[in-house]
PDB file of N, CA and C in Angstrom:
ATOM      1  N   TYR A   1     237.970  -8.906  31.452  1.00  0.00           N
ATOM      2  CA  TYR A   1     239.459  -9.091  31.775  1.00  0.00           C
ATOM      3  C   TYR A   1     239.666 -10.183  31.633  1.00  0.00           C
ATOM      4  N   PRO A   2     241.094 -10.589  31.185  1.00  0.00           N
ATOM      5  CA  PRO A   2     241.926 -11.759  31.219  1.00  0.00           C
ATOM      6  C   PRO A   2     242.425 -12.392  32.458  1.00  0.00           C
ATOM      7  N   THR A   3     242.036 -13.288  32.650  1.00  0.00           N
ATOM      8  CA  THR A   3     242.542 -14.266  33.664  1.00  0.00           C
ATOM      9  C   THR A   3     244.388 -14.644  33.748  1.00  0.00           C
ATOM     10  N   PHE A   4     245.019 -13.983  34.498  1.00  0.00           N
ATOM     11  CA  PHE A   4     246.103 -14.735  34.679  1.00  0.00           C
ATOM     12  C   PHE A   4     246.685 -15.580  34.831  1.00  0.00           C
ATOM     13  N   ARG A   5     247.587 -16.845  34.579  1.00  0.00           N
ATOM     14  CA  ARG A   5     247.647 -17.866  35.201  1.00  0.00           C
ATOM     15  C   ARG A   5     249.288 -17.991  35.520  1.00  0.00           C
ATOM     16  N   ALA A   6     249.705 -18.500  36.755  1.00  0.00           N
ATOM     17  CA  ALA A   6     250.776 -18.642  37.306  1.00  0.00           C
ATOM     18  C   ALA A   6     251.051 -19.406  38.496  1.00  0.00           C
ATOM     19  N   ILE A   7     252.197 -19.634  38.936  1.00  0.00           N
ATOM     20  CA  ILE A   7     251.976 -20.567  40.530  1.00  0.00           C
ATOM     21  C   ILE A   7     251.393 -20.172  41.604  1.00  0.00           C
ATOM     22  N   ALA A   8     250.732 -21.091  42.179  1.00  0.00           N
ATOM     23  CA  ALA A   8     249.763 -20.498  43.411  1.00  0.00           C
ATOM     24  C   ALA A   8     250.529 -19.711  44.836  1.00  0.00           C
ATOM     25  N   TYR A   9     249.949 -18.494  44.392  1.00  0.00           N
ATOM     26  CA  TYR A   9     250.453 -17.138  45.652  1.00  0.00           C
ATOM     27  C   TYR A   9     251.781 -16.926  45.096  1.00  0.00           C
ATOM     28  N   ALA A  10     252.187 -16.801  44.031  1.00  0.00           N
ATOM     29  CA  ALA A  10     253.016 -16.515  43.539  1.00  0.00           C
ATOM     30  C   ALA A  10     252.959 -14.584  43.297  1.00  0.00           C
ATOM     31  N   THR A  11     253.888 -13.830  43.235  1.00  0.00           N
ATOM     32  CA  THR A  11     253.949 -12.206  42.932  1.00  0.00           C
ATOM     33  C   THR A  11     254.516 -12.084  41.976  1.00  0.00           C
ATOM     34  N   VAL A  12     253.689 -11.388  40.764  1.00  0.00           N
ATOM     35  CA  VAL A  12     254.359 -11.133  39.620  1.00  0.00           C
ATOM     36  C   VAL A  12     254.703  -9.354  39.069  1.00  0.00           C
ATOM     37  N   GLU A  13     255.324  -9.231  39.091  1.00  0.00           N
ATOM     38  CA  GLU A  13     255.021  -7.592  38.047  1.00  0.00           C
ATOM     39  C   GLU A  13     255.284  -7.534  36.621  1.00  0.00           C
ATOM     40  N   LEU A  14     254.491  -7.078  35.964  1.00  0.00           N
ATOM     41  CA  LEU A  14     254.363  -6.697  34.829  1.00  0.00           C
ATOM     42  C   LEU A  14     254.686  -5.396  34.333  1.00  0.00           C
ATOM     43  N   GLU A  15     254.990  -5.211  33.084  1.00  0.00           N
ATOM     44  CA  GLU A  15     255.619  -3.747  32.477  1.00  0.00           C
ATOM     45  C   GLU A  15     255.100  -3.886  31.193  1.00  0.00           C
ATOM     46  N   TYR A  16     254.152  -2.426  30.904  1.00  0.00           N
ATOM     47  CA  TYR A  16     253.275  -3.025  29.791  1.00  0.00           C
ATOM     48  C   TYR A  16     254.185  -1.723  28.790  1.00  0.00           C
ATOM     49  N   ASP A  17     254.007  -1.882  27.403  1.00  0.00           N
ATOM     50  CA  ASP A  17     254.447  -1.175  26.114  1.00  0.00           C
ATOM     51  C   ASP A  17     254.578   0.434  26.593  1.00  0.00           C
ATOM     52  N   ASN A  18     253.582   0.734  27.213  1.00  0.00           N
ATOM     53  CA  ASN A  18     253.410   1.994  27.980  1.00  0.00           C
ATOM     54  C   ASN A  18     253.837   2.697  28.718  1.00  0.00           C
ATOM     55  N   GLY A  19     254.867   1.893  29.281  1.00  0.00           N
ATOM     56  CA  GLY A  19     256.044   2.231  30.507  1.00  0.00           C
ATOM     57  C   GLY A  19     254.675   1.790  31.828  1.00  0.00           C
ATOM     58  N   LEU A  20     253.506   1.660  31.939  1.00  0.00           N
ATOM     59  CA  LEU A  20     252.770   1.343  33.303  1.00  0.00           C
ATOM     60  C   LEU A  20     253.209  -0.038  33.808  1.00  0.00           C
ATOM     61  N   SER A  21     253.520  -0.165  35.206  1.00  0.00           N
ATOM     62  CA  SER A  21     253.542  -1.486  35.657  1.00  0.00           C
ATOM     63  C   SER A  21     252.765  -1.729  36.632  1.00  0.00           C
ATOM     64  N   GLN A  22     252.696  -3.397  37.003  1.00  0.00           N
ATOM     65  CA  GLN A  22     251.424  -3.584  37.555  1.00  0.00           C
ATOM     66  C   GLN A  22     251.881  -4.874  38.790  1.00  0.00           C
ATOM     67  N   THR A  23     251.431  -4.983  39.485  1.00  0.00           N
ATOM     68  CA  THR A  23     252.103  -5.998  40.631  1.00  0.00           C
ATOM     69  C   THR A  23     250.996  -7.041  40.613  1.00  0.00           C
ATOM     70  N   ILE A  24     250.726  -8.508  40.205  1.00  0.00           N
ATOM     71  CA  ILE A  24     249.450  -9.157  40.384  1.00  0.00           C
ATOM     72  C   ILE A  24     249.674 -10.011  41.194  1.00  0.00           C
ATOM     73  N   VAL A  25     249.018 -10.486  42.468  1.00  0.00           N
ATOM     74  CA  VAL A  25     249.371 -11.563  43.595  1.00  0.00           C
ATOM     75  C   VAL A  25     248.241 -12.733  42.769  1.00  0.00           C
ATOM     76  N   PHE A  26     248.658 -13.895  42.971  1.00  0.00           N
ATOM     77  CA  PHE A  26     247.542 -15.101  42.295  1.00  0.00           C
ATOM     78  C   PHE A  26     247.369 -15.599  43.621  1.00  0.00           C
ATOM     79  N   ASN A  27     246.142 -16.534  43.468  1.00  0.00           N
ATOM     80  CA  ASN A  27     245.360 -17.153  44.222  1.00  0.00           C
ATOM     81  C   ASN A  27     245.870 -18.143  44.463  1.00  0.00           C
ATOM     82  N   GLU A  28     245.503 -19.622  45.380  1.00  0.00           N
ATOM     83  CA  GLU A  28     245.323 -20.696  45.828  1.00  0.00           C
ATOM     84  C   GLU A  28     245.480 -21.373  44.279  1.00  0.00           C
ATOM     85  N   ASN A  29     245.167 -21.059  43.384  1.00  0.00           N
ATOM     86  CA  ASN A  29     244.637 -21.810  41.972  1.00  0.00           C
ATOM     87  C   ASN A  29     245.851 -21.158  41.507  1.00  0.00           C
ATOM     88  N   GLY A  30     246.666 -20.677  41.483  1.00  0.00           N
ATOM     89  CA  GLY A  30     247.219 -20.150  40.214  1.00  0.00           C
ATOM     90  C   GLY A  30     246.623 -19.213  39.026  1.00  0.00           C
ATOM     91  N   GLU A  31     245.826 -18.616  39.738  1.00  0.00           N
ATOM     92  CA  GLU A  31     244.799 -17.659  38.878  1.00  0.00           C
ATOM     93  C   GLU A  31     244.540 -16.250  39.385  1.00  0.00           C
ATOM     94  N   ALA A  32     244.638 -15.101  38.867  1.00  0.00           N
ATOM     95  CA  ALA A  32     244.431 -13.828  39.035  1.00  0.00           C
ATOM     96  C   ALA A  32     243.595 -12.899  37.684  1.00  0.00           C
ATOM     97  N   THR A  33     242.559 -12.523  38.147  1.00  0.00           N
ATOM     98  CA  THR A  33     241.681 -11.439  37.104  1.00  0.00           C
ATOM     99  C   THR A  33     241.850 -10.389  37.241  1.00  0.00           C
ATOM    100  N   VAL A  34     242.569  -9.581  36.137  1.00  0.00           N
ATOM    101  CA  VAL A  34     242.883  -8.073  36.640  1.00  0.00           C
ATOM    102  C   VAL A  34     242.312  -7.336  35.475  1.00  0.00           C
ATOM    103  N   LYS A  35     242.337  -6.041  35.581  1.00  0.00           N
ATOM    104  CA  LYS A  35     242.084  -5.007  34.559  1.00  0.00           C
ATOM    105  C   LYS A  35     243.797  -4.603  34.305  1.00  0.00           C
ATOM    106  N   PRO A  36     244.285  -5.140  33.139  1.00  0.00           N
ATOM    107  CA  PRO A  36     245.971  -4.380  32.672  1.00  0.00           C
ATOM    108  C   PRO A  36     245.847  -3.227  32.474  1.00  0.00           C
ATOM    109  N   PHE A  37     246.738  -2.885  32.768  1.00  0.00           N
ATOM    110  CA  PHE A  37     247.175  -1.503  32.814  1.00  0.00           C
ATOM    111  C   PHE A  37     247.672  -1.204  31.104  1.00  0.00           C
ATOM    112  N   GLY A  38     247.822  -2.069  30.023  1.00  0.00           N
ATOM    113  CA  GLY A  38     248.307  -1.664  28.913  1.00  0.00           C
ATOM    114  C   GLY A  38     247.641  -2.992  27.987  1.00  0.00           C
ATOM    115  N   ARG A  39     248.183  -3.306  26.786  1.00  0.00           N
ATOM    116  CA  ARG A  39     247.781  -4.083  25.822  1.00  0.00           C
ATOM    117  C   ARG A  39     248.853  -5.202  25.516  1.00  0.00           C
ATOM    118  N   THR A  40     249.864  -4.852  26.056  1.00  0.00           N
ATOM    119  CA  THR A  40     251.379  -5.731  25.450  1.00  0.00           C
ATOM    120  C   THR A  40     252.148  -5.504  26.668  1.00  0.00           C
ATOM    121  N   ILE A  41     252.637  -6.791  27.063  1.00  0.00           N
ATOM    122  CA  ILE A  41     253.418  -6.801  28.213  1.00  0.00           C
ATOM    123  C   ILE A  41     254.907  -7.173  27.571  1.00  0.00           C
ATOM    124  N   THR A  42     255.680  -6.276  28.116  1.00  0.00           N
ATOM    125  CA  THR A  42     256.729  -5.837  27.383  1.00  0.00           C
ATOM    126  C   THR A  42     257.806  -6.781  28.444  1.00  0.00           C
ATOM    127  N   ARG A  43     258.123  -6.752  29.761  1.00  0.00           N
ATOM    128  CA  ARG A  43     258.907  -7.216  30.882  1.00  0.00           C
ATOM    129  C   ARG A  43     257.685  -8.335  32.100  1.00  0.00           C
ATOM    130  N   VAL A  44     258.896  -9.060  32.567  1.00  0.00           N
ATOM    131  CA  VAL A  44     257.953  -9.632  33.213  1.00  0.00           C
ATOM    132  C   VAL A  44     259.074 -10.108  34.536  1.00  0.00           C
ATOM    133  N   ASN A  45     258.812  -9.561  35.610  1.00  0.00           N
ATOM    134  CA  ASN A  45     259.911  -9.196  36.722  1.00  0.00           C
ATOM    135  C   ASN A  45     261.414  -8.792  36.476  1.00  0.00           C
ATOM    136  N   GLY A  46     260.627  -7.693  35.691  1.00  0.00           N
ATOM    137  CA  GLY A  46     261.946  -6.838  35.344  1.00  0.00           C
ATOM    138  C   GLY A  46     262.784  -7.450  33.982  1.00  0.00           C
ATOM    139  N   ARG A  47     262.463  -9.027  33.619  1.00  0.00           N
ATOM    140  CA  ARG A  47     263.198  -9.437  32.358  1.00  0.00           C
ATOM    141  C   ARG A  47     262.447  -8.989  31.426  1.00  0.00           C
ATOM    142  N   TYR A  48     262.993  -8.453  30.313  1.00  0.00           N
ATOM    143  CA  TYR A  48     262.789  -8.290  28.800  1.00  0.00           C
ATOM    144  C   TYR A  48     262.186  -9.346  28.302  1.00  0.00           C
ATOM    145  N   LEU A  49     261.024  -9.437  27.793  1.00  0.00           N
ATOM    146  CA  LEU A  49     260.769 -10.636  26.934  1.00  0.00           C
ATOM    147  C   LEU A  49     261.407 -10.722  25.642  1.00  0.00           C
ATOM    148  N   VAL A  50     261.579 -11.695  24.905  1.00  0.00           N
ATOM    149  CA  VAL A  50     262.126 -11.598  23.649  1.00  0.00           C
ATOM    150  C   VAL A  50     260.626 -11.445  22.398  1.00  0.00           C
ATOM    151  N   THR A  51     259.756 -12.474  22.874  1.00  0.00           N
ATOM    152  CA  THR A  51     258.417 -11.955  22.248  1.00  0.00           C
ATOM    153  C   THR A  51     257.335 -11.283  23.173  1.00  0.00           C
ATOM    154  N   PRO A  52     257.110  -9.781  22.881  1.00  0.00           N
ATOM    155  CA  PRO A  52     255.729  -9.533  24.042  1.00  0.00           C
ATOM    156  C   PRO A  52     254.595 -10.250  23.855  1.00  0.00           C
ATOM    157  N   ILE A  53     253.972 -10.389  24.895  1.00  0.00           N
ATOM    158  CA  ILE A  53     252.779 -10.682  25.071  1.00  0.00           C
ATOM    159  C   ILE A  53     251.496 -10.224  24.704  1.00  0.00           C
ATOM    160  N   VAL A  54     250.490 -10.043  23.915  1.00  0.00           N
ATOM    161  CA  VAL A  54     250.038  -9.159  23.397  1.00  0.00           C
ATOM    162  C   VAL A  54     248.356  -9.871  23.950  1.00  0.00           C
ATOM    163  N   LEU A  55     247.737  -9.008  25.049  1.00  0.00           N
ATOM    164  CA  LEU A  55     246.681  -9.475  25.660  1.00  0.00           C
ATOM    165  C   LEU A  55     245.402  -9.783  24.682  1.00  0.00           C
ATOM    166  N   ASP A  56     245.320 -10.135  23.913  1.00  0.00           N
ATOM    167  CA  ASP A  56     244.251 -10.308  23.192  1.00  0.00           C
ATOM    168  C   ASP A  56     243.645 -11.925  23.383  1.00  0.00           C
ATOM    169  N   GLU A  57     243.815 -12.427  24.596  1.00  0.00           N
ATOM    170  CA  GLU A  57     243.240 -14.198  24.979  1.00  0.00           C
ATOM    171  C   GLU A  57     242.354 -13.926  26.316  1.00  0.00           C
ATOM    172  N   MET A  58     241.997 -14.662  26.749  1.00  0.00           N
ATOM    173  CA  MET A  58     241.114 -13.997  27.913  1.00  0.00           C
ATOM    174  C   MET A  58     242.390 -15.086  29.016  1.00  0.00           C
ATOM    175  N   TYR A  59     242.788 -15.943  28.947  1.00  0.00           N
ATOM    176  CA  TYR A  59     243.555 -16.875  29.626  1.00  0.00           C
ATOM    177  C   TYR A  59     245.219 -16.372  28.960  1.00  0.00           C
ATOM    178  N   VAL A  60     246.174 -15.678  30.500  1.00  0.00           N
ATOM    179  CA  VAL A  60     246.971 -15.403  29.837  1.00  0.00           C
ATOM    180  C   VAL A  60     247.844 -16.493  30.516  1.00  0.00           C
ATOM    181  N   ASP A  61     248.943 -17.168  30.288  1.00  0.00           N
ATOM    182  CA  ASP A  61     249.317 -18.101  31.108  1.00  0.00           C
ATOM    183  C   ASP A  61     251.161 -17.522  31.312  1.00  0.00           C
ATOM    184  N   LEU A  62     251.580 -17.529  32.575  1.00  0.00           N
ATOM    185  CA  LEU A  62     252.882 -17.154  32.500  1.00  0.00           C
ATOM    186  C   LEU A  62     253.882 -17.627  33.420  1.00  0.00           C
ATOM    187  N   ARG A  63     253.224 -19.100  33.355  1.00  0.00           N
ATOM    188  CA  ARG A  63     254.063 -19.866  34.515  1.00  0.00           C
ATOM    189  C   ARG A  63     255.665 -19.825  33.576  1.00  0.00           C
ATOM    190  N   ASN A  64     255.794 -19.856  32.359  1.00  0.00           N
ATOM    191  CA  ASN A  64     256.937 -19.655  32.044  1.00  0.00           C
ATOM    192  C   ASN A  64     257.898 -18.876  31.744  1.00  0.00           C
ATOM    193  N   TYR A  65     257.387 -17.619  32.652  1.00  0.00           N
ATOM    194  CA  TYR A  65     258.220 -16.741  33.005  1.00  0.00           C
ATOM    195  C   TYR A  65     258.494 -16.218  34.066  1.00  0.00           C
ATOM    196  N   ILE A  66     258.315 -17.190  34.695  1.00  0.00           N
ATOM    197  CA  ILE A  66     258.331 -17.004  36.190  1.00  0.00           C
ATOM    198  C   ILE A  66     259.633 -17.667  36.860  1.00  0.00           C
TER     199      ILE A  66
END
């Protein structure tokens, strides 16, 4: 599963192209490894992404989207 990176202790809601959403809570290092509910992230915290994030990497940096 990919490791998501963000700000330590942040909570992020992701929405995928298949309509499923997922809430991720990050640890003290700003990382969370979870099984994603889809392959392409289209929204982060309710905001549509101009360029969707395709989950084809082992590390996904969400710091610029929070």
